[in-house]
Amino acid sequence: MEGAHRQLVFGRRVRVLAEFLAASIPEGASVLDIGCGDGTLAKRIADYHPSLTLQGIEFAPRENCKIECRTFDGIAIPCPSASFDVCMFVDVLHHVRDAQGIVRLLAEAHRVSKRFVLIKDHLSENWFDFTTLQFMDWVGNRPHGVVLPYNYQSRGQWDQYFKMTGLKVKDWRTEIPIYPWPFRALFGRHLHYIGLMEKIQP
């Protein structure tokens, strides 16, 4: 199953997400990829957007990371306030164990960002959404030893967290063709979103 997932999903996912995320990032921006993994996605974004500068932080940095990467503890972002134009989370926040942890990380991203927080994550509005996302997470991440708390949020919950951390939605997309047909009918279904959040100015 892991081989089939990589063959059918992984390459397309990176290409589609990189294209959509790059379109949300201003020209010439400095970007911090929080939980960057091996840097594959960030590197592809940079290919789309050569004017960007990208750095990553990761709980368990990989030796072969494709971008500059530092270690962080998963809680406090080791960067000064307002040091990047954009802070980015790609399928990271649903791996945080509880709502308090999500709020804490969003607050840290708000602190470190000059203006924007860019998020790709999931939406779970009912038991069928939850079960589908749980299966997707298990197939994609379990073979790599990733912690899977299955901490999916509804749109209402996300909006609450954004309000609590001084962020407002500037752009929101749920039509993201990560999966080819016919898989999109089951694993798409508005289960994924890309949201560009802007800091609320005092």
C-alpha atoms as a PDB file:
ATOM      1  CA  MET A   1       0.000   0.000   0.000  1.00  0.00           C
ATOM      2  CA  GLU A   2       2.870   2.374   0.752  1.00  0.00           C
ATOM      3  CA  GLY A   3       4.281   1.836  -2.737  1.00  0.00           C
ATOM      4  CA  ALA A   4       0.926   2.492  -4.359  1.00  0.00           C
ATOM      5  CA  HIS A   5       0.456   5.644  -2.296  1.00  0.00           C
ATOM      6  CA  ARG A   6       3.842   7.010  -3.340  1.00  0.00           C
ATOM      7  CA  GLN A   7       3.277   6.169  -6.977  1.00  0.00           C
ATOM      8  CA  LEU A   8      -0.288   7.493  -7.256  1.00  0.00           C
ATOM      9  CA  VAL A   9      -0.337  10.341  -4.743  1.00  0.00           C
ATOM     10  CA  PHE A  10       2.995  11.666  -3.472  1.00  0.00           C
ATOM     11  CA  GLY A  11       4.425  13.182  -6.653  1.00  0.00           C
ATOM     12  CA  ARG A  12       1.121  14.737  -7.672  1.00  0.00           C
ATOM     13  CA  ARG A  13       0.548  16.065  -4.146  1.00  0.00           C
ATOM     14  CA  VAL A  14       3.893  17.874  -4.114  1.00  0.00           C
ATOM     15  CA  ARG A  15       3.322  19.370  -7.561  1.00  0.00           C
ATOM     16  CA  VAL A  16      -0.249  20.535  -6.903  1.00  0.00           C
ATOM     17  CA  LEU A  17       0.416  21.896  -3.417  1.00  0.00           C
ATOM     18  CA  ALA A  18       3.570  23.696  -4.512  1.00  0.00           C
ATOM     19  CA  GLU A  19       1.670  25.401  -7.320  1.00  0.00           C
ATOM     20  CA  PHE A  20      -1.238  26.460  -5.090  1.00  0.00           C
ATOM     21  CA  LEU A  21       0.944  27.556  -2.168  1.00  0.00           C
ATOM     22  CA  ALA A  22       3.354  29.487  -4.388  1.00  0.00           C
ATOM     23  CA  ALA A  23       0.402  31.417  -5.814  1.00  0.00           C
ATOM     24  CA  SER A  24      -0.443  32.621  -2.276  1.00  0.00           C
ATOM     25  CA  ILE A  25       3.042  33.929  -1.442  1.00  0.00           C
ATOM     26  CA  PRO A  26       4.040  37.482  -2.450  1.00  0.00           C
ATOM     27  CA  GLU A  27       7.015  37.969  -4.772  1.00  0.00           C
ATOM     28  CA  GLY A  28      10.323  38.302  -2.957  1.00  0.00           C
ATOM     29  CA  ALA A  29       8.950  37.099   0.374  1.00  0.00           C
ATOM     30  CA  SER A  30      10.971  35.379   3.075  1.00  0.00           C
ATOM     31  CA  VAL A  31       9.223  32.167   4.143  1.00  0.00           C
ATOM     32  CA  LEU A  32       9.617  29.957   7.204  1.00  0.00           C
ATOM     33  CA  ASP A  33       8.350  26.411   6.584  1.00  0.00           C
ATOM     34  CA  ILE A  34       7.388  25.087  10.024  1.00  0.00           C
ATOM     35  CA  GLY A  35       7.626  21.287  10.040  1.00  0.00           C
ATOM     36  CA  CYS A  36       9.329  21.220   6.654  1.00  0.00           C
ATOM     37  CA  GLY A  37      10.060  17.473   6.549  1.00  0.00           C
ATOM     38  CA  ASP A  38      12.724  16.770   3.947  1.00  0.00           C
ATOM     39  CA  GLY A  39      12.176  20.123   2.245  1.00  0.00           C
ATOM     40  CA  THR A  40      10.824  18.622  -0.986  1.00  0.00           C
ATOM     41  CA  LEU A  41       7.706  20.796  -1.046  1.00  0.00           C
ATOM     42  CA  ALA A  42       9.516  23.996  -0.090  1.00  0.00           C
ATOM     43  CA  LYS A  43      12.132  23.368  -2.775  1.00  0.00           C
ATOM     44  CA  ARG A  44       9.386  22.912  -5.379  1.00  0.00           C
ATOM     45  CA  ILE A  45       7.747  26.165  -4.231  1.00  0.00           C
ATOM     46  CA  ALA A  46      11.090  27.914  -4.698  1.00  0.00           C
ATOM     47  CA  ASP A  47      11.283  26.470  -8.215  1.00  0.00           C
ATOM     48  CA  TYR A  48       7.919  28.100  -8.992  1.00  0.00           C
ATOM     49  CA  HIS A  49       8.913  31.321  -7.236  1.00  0.00           C
ATOM     50  CA  PRO A  50      12.703  31.927  -7.615  1.00  0.00           C
ATOM     51  CA  SER A  51      12.425  35.303  -5.865  1.00  0.00           C
ATOM     52  CA  LEU A  52      11.522  33.656  -2.543  1.00  0.00           C
ATOM     53  CA  THR A  53      13.903  32.795   0.268  1.00  0.00           C
ATOM     54  CA  LEU A  54      12.854  29.719   2.231  1.00  0.00           C
ATOM     55  CA  GLN A  55      14.095  28.248   5.485  1.00  0.00           C
ATOM     56  CA  GLY A  56      12.679  25.394   7.520  1.00  0.00           C
ATOM     57  CA  ILE A  57      12.405  24.197  11.085  1.00  0.00           C
ATOM     58  CA  GLU A  58      11.661  20.615  12.031  1.00  0.00           C
ATOM     59  CA  PHE A  59      11.258  18.594  15.215  1.00  0.00           C
ATOM     60  CA  ALA A  60      13.483  15.857  13.746  1.00  0.00           C
ATOM     61  CA  PRO A  61      15.578  17.429  10.950  1.00  0.00           C
ATOM     62  CA  ARG A  62      16.724  15.127   8.155  1.00  0.00           C
ATOM     63  CA  GLU A  63      20.294  15.068   6.918  1.00  0.00           C
ATOM     64  CA  ASN A  64      19.166  15.226   3.298  1.00  0.00           C
ATOM     65  CA  CYS A  65      16.795  18.184   3.749  1.00  0.00           C
ATOM     66  CA  LYS A  66      16.559  20.166   0.507  1.00  0.00           C
ATOM     67  CA  ILE A  67      16.385  23.555   2.244  1.00  0.00           C
ATOM     68  CA  GLU A  68      18.225  25.157   5.152  1.00  0.00           C
ATOM     69  CA  CYS A  69      16.671  23.627   8.273  1.00  0.00           C
ATOM     70  CA  ARG A  70      17.017  24.043  12.032  1.00  0.00           C
ATOM     71  CA  THR A  71      15.738  22.005  14.951  1.00  0.00           C
ATOM     72  CA  PHE A  72      12.841  23.188  17.091  1.00  0.00           C
ATOM     73  CA  ASP A  73      10.977  21.646  19.998  1.00  0.00           C
ATOM     74  CA  GLY A  74       7.579  21.632  18.312  1.00  0.00           C
ATOM     75  CA  ILE A  75       6.342  24.449  20.553  1.00  0.00           C
ATOM     76  CA  ALA A  76       8.517  27.579  20.489  1.00  0.00           C
ATOM     77  CA  ILE A  77       9.718  28.827  17.093  1.00  0.00           C
ATOM     78  CA  PRO A  78      13.426  29.700  17.483  1.00  0.00           C
ATOM     79  CA  CYS A  79      13.252  32.978  15.541  1.00  0.00           C
ATOM     80  CA  PRO A  80      12.923  36.653  16.484  1.00  0.00           C
ATOM     81  CA  SER A  81       9.580  38.395  16.202  1.00  0.00           C
ATOM     82  CA  ALA A  82       8.606  39.634  12.714  1.00  0.00           C
ATOM     83  CA  SER A  83      11.598  37.924  11.109  1.00  0.00           C
ATOM     84  CA  PHE A  84       9.793  36.369   8.097  1.00  0.00           C
ATOM     85  CA  ASP A  85       7.198  37.709   5.712  1.00  0.00           C
ATOM     86  CA  VAL A  86       5.299  34.406   5.747  1.00  0.00           C
ATOM     87  CA  CYS A  87       5.147  31.491   8.183  1.00  0.00           C
ATOM     88  CA  MET A  88       3.860  28.297   6.566  1.00  0.00           C
ATOM     89  CA  PHE A  89       2.367  25.067   7.946  1.00  0.00           C
ATOM     90  CA  VAL A  90       1.706  22.224   5.488  1.00  0.00           C
ATOM     91  CA  ASP A  91      -0.191  19.295   7.034  1.00  0.00           C
ATOM     92  CA  VAL A  92       1.475  19.963  10.379  1.00  0.00           C
ATOM     93  CA  LEU A  93      -1.176  21.291  12.741  1.00  0.00           C
ATOM     94  CA  HIS A  94      -3.373  18.183  12.746  1.00  0.00           C
ATOM     95  CA  HIS A  95      -0.360  16.296  14.136  1.00  0.00           C
ATOM     96  CA  VAL A  96      -0.405  18.497  17.259  1.00  0.00           C
ATOM     97  CA  ARG A  97      -1.919  16.566  20.154  1.00  0.00           C
ATOM     98  CA  ASP A  98      -4.594  19.037  21.298  1.00  0.00           C
ATOM     99  CA  ALA A  99      -6.327  22.314  20.534  1.00  0.00           C
ATOM    100  CA  GLN A 100      -4.165  24.177  23.038  1.00  0.00           C
ATOM    101  CA  GLY A 101      -1.053  23.112  21.137  1.00  0.00           C
ATOM    102  CA  ILE A 102      -2.531  24.286  17.826  1.00  0.00           C
ATOM    103  CA  VAL A 103      -3.335  27.689  19.311  1.00  0.00           C
ATOM    104  CA  ARG A 104       0.148  27.940  20.806  1.00  0.00           C
ATOM    105  CA  LEU A 105       1.838  27.214  17.461  1.00  0.00           C
ATOM    106  CA  LEU A 106      -0.422  29.632  15.587  1.00  0.00           C
ATOM    107  CA  ALA A 107       0.408  32.306  18.165  1.00  0.00           C
ATOM    108  CA  GLU A 108       4.106  31.642  17.636  1.00  0.00           C
ATOM    109  CA  ALA A 109       3.679  31.903  13.857  1.00  0.00           C
ATOM    110  CA  HIS A 110       1.810  35.184  14.373  1.00  0.00           C
ATOM    111  CA  ARG A 111       4.742  36.476  16.420  1.00  0.00           C
ATOM    112  CA  VAL A 112       7.425  35.448  13.927  1.00  0.00           C
ATOM    113  CA  SER A 113       5.566  36.558  10.796  1.00  0.00           C
ATOM    114  CA  LYS A 114       5.553  40.147   9.598  1.00  0.00           C
ATOM    115  CA  ARG A 115       2.209  39.754   7.859  1.00  0.00           C
ATOM    116  CA  PHE A 116       0.994  36.307   6.730  1.00  0.00           C
ATOM    117  CA  VAL A 117       0.523  32.756   8.005  1.00  0.00           C
ATOM    118  CA  LEU A 118      -0.104  30.247   5.193  1.00  0.00           C
ATOM    119  CA  ILE A 119      -1.743  26.945   6.138  1.00  0.00           C
ATOM    120  CA  LYS A 120      -2.539  23.729   4.328  1.00  0.00           C
ATOM    121  CA  ASP A 121      -4.513  21.350   6.516  1.00  0.00           C
ATOM    122  CA  HIS A 122      -7.741  19.361   6.788  1.00  0.00           C
ATOM    123  CA  LEU A 123     -11.420  19.952   7.488  1.00  0.00           C
ATOM    124  CA  SER A 124     -13.508  17.422   9.399  1.00  0.00           C
ATOM    125  CA  GLU A 125     -17.200  18.234   9.712  1.00  0.00           C
ATOM    126  CA  ASN A 126     -18.618  14.767  10.518  1.00  0.00           C
ATOM    127  CA  TRP A 127     -17.708  11.170  11.341  1.00  0.00           C
ATOM    128  CA  PHE A 128     -17.258  10.225   7.673  1.00  0.00           C
ATOM    129  CA  ASP A 129     -14.772  13.061   7.144  1.00  0.00           C
ATOM    130  CA  PHE A 130     -12.900  11.994  10.284  1.00  0.00           C
ATOM    131  CA  THR A 131     -12.747   8.326   9.274  1.00  0.00           C
ATOM    132  CA  THR A 132     -11.558   9.162   5.755  1.00  0.00           C
ATOM    133  CA  LEU A 133      -8.846  11.502   7.042  1.00  0.00           C
ATOM    134  CA  GLN A 134      -7.764   8.938   9.618  1.00  0.00           C
ATOM    135  CA  PHE A 135      -7.294   6.326   6.887  1.00  0.00           C
ATOM    136  CA  MET A 136      -5.383   8.779   4.673  1.00  0.00           C
ATOM    137  CA  ASP A 137      -3.110   9.760   7.553  1.00  0.00           C
ATOM    138  CA  TRP A 138      -2.417   6.133   8.451  1.00  0.00           C
ATOM    139  CA  VAL A 139      -1.524   5.161   4.879  1.00  0.00           C
ATOM    140  CA  GLY A 140       0.642   8.207   4.234  1.00  0.00           C
ATOM    141  CA  ASN A 141       2.433   8.603   7.559  1.00  0.00           C
ATOM    142  CA  ARG A 142       2.395   5.435   9.637  1.00  0.00           C
ATOM    143  CA  PRO A 143       5.199   3.737   7.661  1.00  0.00           C
ATOM    144  CA  HIS A 144       7.465   6.696   8.522  1.00  0.00           C
ATOM    145  CA  GLY A 145       6.828   6.586  12.271  1.00  0.00           C
ATOM    146  CA  VAL A 146       4.954   9.899  12.333  1.00  0.00           C
ATOM    147  CA  VAL A 147       2.892  10.512  15.469  1.00  0.00           C
ATOM    148  CA  LEU A 148      -0.793  10.318  14.532  1.00  0.00           C
ATOM    149  CA  PRO A 149      -3.136  11.990  17.056  1.00  0.00           C
ATOM    150  CA  TYR A 150      -5.802  12.400  14.320  1.00  0.00           C
ATOM    151  CA  ASN A 151      -6.528  15.893  15.619  1.00  0.00           C
ATOM    152  CA  TYR A 152      -8.732  17.166  12.776  1.00  0.00           C
ATOM    153  CA  GLN A 153     -10.733  20.380  13.085  1.00  0.00           C
ATOM    154  CA  SER A 154     -13.942  21.750  11.604  1.00  0.00           C
ATOM    155  CA  ARG A 155     -14.078  25.099   9.814  1.00  0.00           C
ATOM    156  CA  GLY A 156     -15.744  26.590  12.881  1.00  0.00           C
ATOM    157  CA  GLN A 157     -12.924  25.386  15.120  1.00  0.00           C
ATOM    158  CA  TRP A 158     -10.264  26.761  12.766  1.00  0.00           C
ATOM    159  CA  ASP A 159     -12.012  30.140  12.704  1.00  0.00           C
ATOM    160  CA  GLN A 160     -12.029  30.156  16.505  1.00  0.00           C
ATOM    161  CA  TYR A 161      -8.279  29.473  16.648  1.00  0.00           C
ATOM    162  CA  PHE A 162      -7.560  32.206  14.107  1.00  0.00           C
ATOM    163  CA  LYS A 163      -9.563  34.709  16.128  1.00  0.00           C
ATOM    164  CA  MET A 164      -7.783  33.687  19.330  1.00  0.00           C
ATOM    165  CA  THR A 165      -4.356  34.255  17.739  1.00  0.00           C
ATOM    166  CA  GLY A 166      -5.025  37.561  15.970  1.00  0.00           C
ATOM    167  CA  LEU A 167      -5.377  36.198  12.439  1.00  0.00           C
ATOM    168  CA  LYS A 168      -8.028  36.819   9.798  1.00  0.00           C
ATOM    169  CA  VAL A 169      -8.733  34.860   6.628  1.00  0.00           C
ATOM    170  CA  LYS A 170      -7.493  36.669   3.516  1.00  0.00           C
ATOM    171  CA  ASP A 171      -7.972  33.745   1.118  1.00  0.00           C
ATOM    172  CA  TRP A 172      -9.513  30.275   1.558  1.00  0.00           C
ATOM    173  CA  ARG A 173      -9.562  27.406  -0.941  1.00  0.00           C
ATOM    174  CA  THR A 174     -10.934  23.897  -0.674  1.00  0.00           C
ATOM    175  CA  GLU A 175     -10.889  22.922  -4.361  1.00  0.00           C
ATOM    176  CA  ILE A 176      -7.394  21.464  -4.419  1.00  0.00           C
ATOM    177  CA  PRO A 177      -6.942  18.617  -6.951  1.00  0.00           C
ATOM    178  CA  ILE A 178      -4.397  16.624  -4.956  1.00  0.00           C
ATOM    179  CA  TYR A 179      -5.844  13.282  -6.054  1.00  0.00           C
ATOM    180  CA  PRO A 180      -6.584  12.049  -9.572  1.00  0.00           C
ATOM    181  CA  TRP A 181      -9.987  10.676 -10.497  1.00  0.00           C
ATOM    182  CA  PRO A 182     -11.624   8.514  -9.233  1.00  0.00           C
ATOM    183  CA  PHE A 183      -9.789   8.881  -5.888  1.00  0.00           C
ATOM    184  CA  ARG A 184     -10.709  12.579  -5.700  1.00  0.00           C
ATOM    185  CA  ALA A 185     -14.375  11.697  -5.206  1.00  0.00           C
ATOM    186  CA  LEU A 186     -13.560  10.057  -1.858  1.00  0.00           C
ATOM    187  CA  PHE A 187     -10.337  11.694  -0.679  1.00  0.00           C
ATOM    188  CA  GLY A 188     -11.039  15.200  -1.987  1.00  0.00           C
ATOM    189  CA  ARG A 189     -14.538  16.291  -0.977  1.00  0.00           C
ATOM    190  CA  HIS A 190     -13.390  19.583   0.605  1.00  0.00           C
ATOM    191  CA  LEU A 191     -11.344  17.652   3.171  1.00  0.00           C
ATOM    192  CA  HIS A 192      -8.322  19.819   2.384  1.00  0.00           C
ATOM    193  CA  TYR A 193      -7.902  23.576   2.565  1.00  0.00           C
ATOM    194  CA  ILE A 194      -5.265  26.170   1.853  1.00  0.00           C
ATOM    195  CA  GLY A 195      -5.792  29.316   3.882  1.00  0.00           C
ATOM    196  CA  LEU A 196      -3.809  32.527   3.727  1.00  0.00           C
ATOM    197  CA  MET A 197      -4.136  34.256   7.105  1.00  0.00           C
ATOM    198  CA  GLU A 198      -3.250  37.895   7.655  1.00  0.00           C
ATOM    199  CA  LYS A 199      -2.236  39.380  10.975  1.00  0.00           C
ATOM    200  CA  ILE A 200      -4.831  41.707  12.429  1.00  0.00           C
ATOM    201  CA  GLN A 201      -3.123  45.024  12.951  1.00  0.00           C
ATOM    202  CA  PRO A 202      -3.695  46.672  16.352  1.00  0.00           C
END
